[in-house]
Amino acid sequence: MVVLCSNCGGGTLQRSKRRFFEYPLSLLGLWPFRCKECNVRFLKYSKRSFK
């Protein structure tokens, strides 16, 4: 699954730290990401890798 920025469409993303209200959303698969190109933070569906 490729995650792209919802603002600029860029693919250079990193997962952001979850805020307090985002912990329950992560149980549903919604994770915070930040685009390194336009610096926008957003939530996207993604599988979490337990490594």
C-alpha atoms as a PDB file:
ATOM      1  CA  MET A   1       0.000   0.000   0.000  1.00  0.00           C
ATOM      2  CA  VAL A   2       1.524   3.287  -1.104  1.00  0.00           C
ATOM      3  CA  VAL A   3       0.601   6.299   1.002  1.00  0.00           C
ATOM      4  CA  LEU A   4       0.662   9.668  -0.772  1.00  0.00           C
ATOM      5  CA  CYS A   5       0.234  13.180   0.595  1.00  0.00           C
ATOM      6  CA  SER A   6      -3.365  14.353   0.442  1.00  0.00           C
ATOM      7  CA  ASN A   7      -2.206  17.937  -0.190  1.00  0.00           C
ATOM      8  CA  CYS A   8       0.581  17.776  -2.802  1.00  0.00           C
ATOM      9  CA  GLY A   9       0.528  14.103  -3.850  1.00  0.00           C
ATOM     10  CA  GLY A  10       4.147  13.600  -2.788  1.00  0.00           C
ATOM     11  CA  GLY A  11       5.433  10.259  -1.622  1.00  0.00           C
ATOM     12  CA  THR A  12       8.091  11.434   0.841  1.00  0.00           C
ATOM     13  CA  LEU A  13       6.224  10.855   4.103  1.00  0.00           C
ATOM     14  CA  GLN A  14       7.045   9.972   7.656  1.00  0.00           C
ATOM     15  CA  ARG A  15       4.741   8.755  10.350  1.00  0.00           C
ATOM     16  CA  SER A  16       4.056  11.423  12.959  1.00  0.00           C
ATOM     17  CA  LYS A  17       3.641  10.918  16.671  1.00  0.00           C
ATOM     18  CA  ARG A  18       0.087  10.264  17.724  1.00  0.00           C
ATOM     19  CA  ARG A  19      -1.714  12.896  19.756  1.00  0.00           C
ATOM     20  CA  PHE A  20      -3.932  11.886  22.657  1.00  0.00           C
ATOM     21  CA  PHE A  21      -7.171  11.838  20.644  1.00  0.00           C
ATOM     22  CA  GLU A  22      -5.548   9.837  17.816  1.00  0.00           C
ATOM     23  CA  TYR A  23      -4.818   6.695  19.874  1.00  0.00           C
ATOM     24  CA  PRO A  24      -8.350   5.252  19.449  1.00  0.00           C
ATOM     25  CA  LEU A  25      -8.223   6.062  15.713  1.00  0.00           C
ATOM     26  CA  SER A  26      -5.084   3.954  15.325  1.00  0.00           C
ATOM     27  CA  LEU A  27      -7.100   0.914  16.425  1.00  0.00           C
ATOM     28  CA  LEU A  28      -9.207   1.502  13.314  1.00  0.00           C
ATOM     29  CA  GLY A  29      -6.123   1.793  11.102  1.00  0.00           C
ATOM     30  CA  LEU A  30      -5.909   5.595  10.882  1.00  0.00           C
ATOM     31  CA  TRP A  31      -2.357   6.834  11.439  1.00  0.00           C
ATOM     32  CA  PRO A  32      -0.874  10.337  11.357  1.00  0.00           C
ATOM     33  CA  PHE A  33       1.644  11.140   8.631  1.00  0.00           C
ATOM     34  CA  ARG A  34       3.597  14.267   7.730  1.00  0.00           C
ATOM     35  CA  CYS A  35       4.683  15.125   4.202  1.00  0.00           C
ATOM     36  CA  LYS A  36       8.348  16.122   4.022  1.00  0.00           C
ATOM     37  CA  GLU A  37       7.736  18.117   0.843  1.00  0.00           C
ATOM     38  CA  CYS A  38       4.887  20.423   1.929  1.00  0.00           C
ATOM     39  CA  ASN A  39       4.982  19.850   5.747  1.00  0.00           C
ATOM     40  CA  VAL A  40       1.256  19.019   5.981  1.00  0.00           C
ATOM     41  CA  ARG A  41       0.084  16.601   8.696  1.00  0.00           C
ATOM     42  CA  PHE A  42      -2.852  14.293   7.931  1.00  0.00           C
ATOM     43  CA  LEU A  43      -4.441  10.947   8.837  1.00  0.00           C
ATOM     44  CA  LYS A  44      -4.425   7.998   6.419  1.00  0.00           C
ATOM     45  CA  TYR A  45      -5.346   4.336   6.613  1.00  0.00           C
ATOM     46  CA  SER A  46      -2.223   2.239   6.945  1.00  0.00           C
ATOM     47  CA  LYS A  47      -1.145  -1.101   8.358  1.00  0.00           C
ATOM     48  CA  ARG A  48       1.119  -0.832  11.365  1.00  0.00           C
ATOM     49  CA  SER A  49       4.259  -2.916  11.208  1.00  0.00           C
ATOM     50  CA  PHE A  50       5.187  -4.474  14.540  1.00  0.00           C
ATOM     51  CA  LYS A  51       8.953  -4.788  14.280  1.00  0.00           C
END
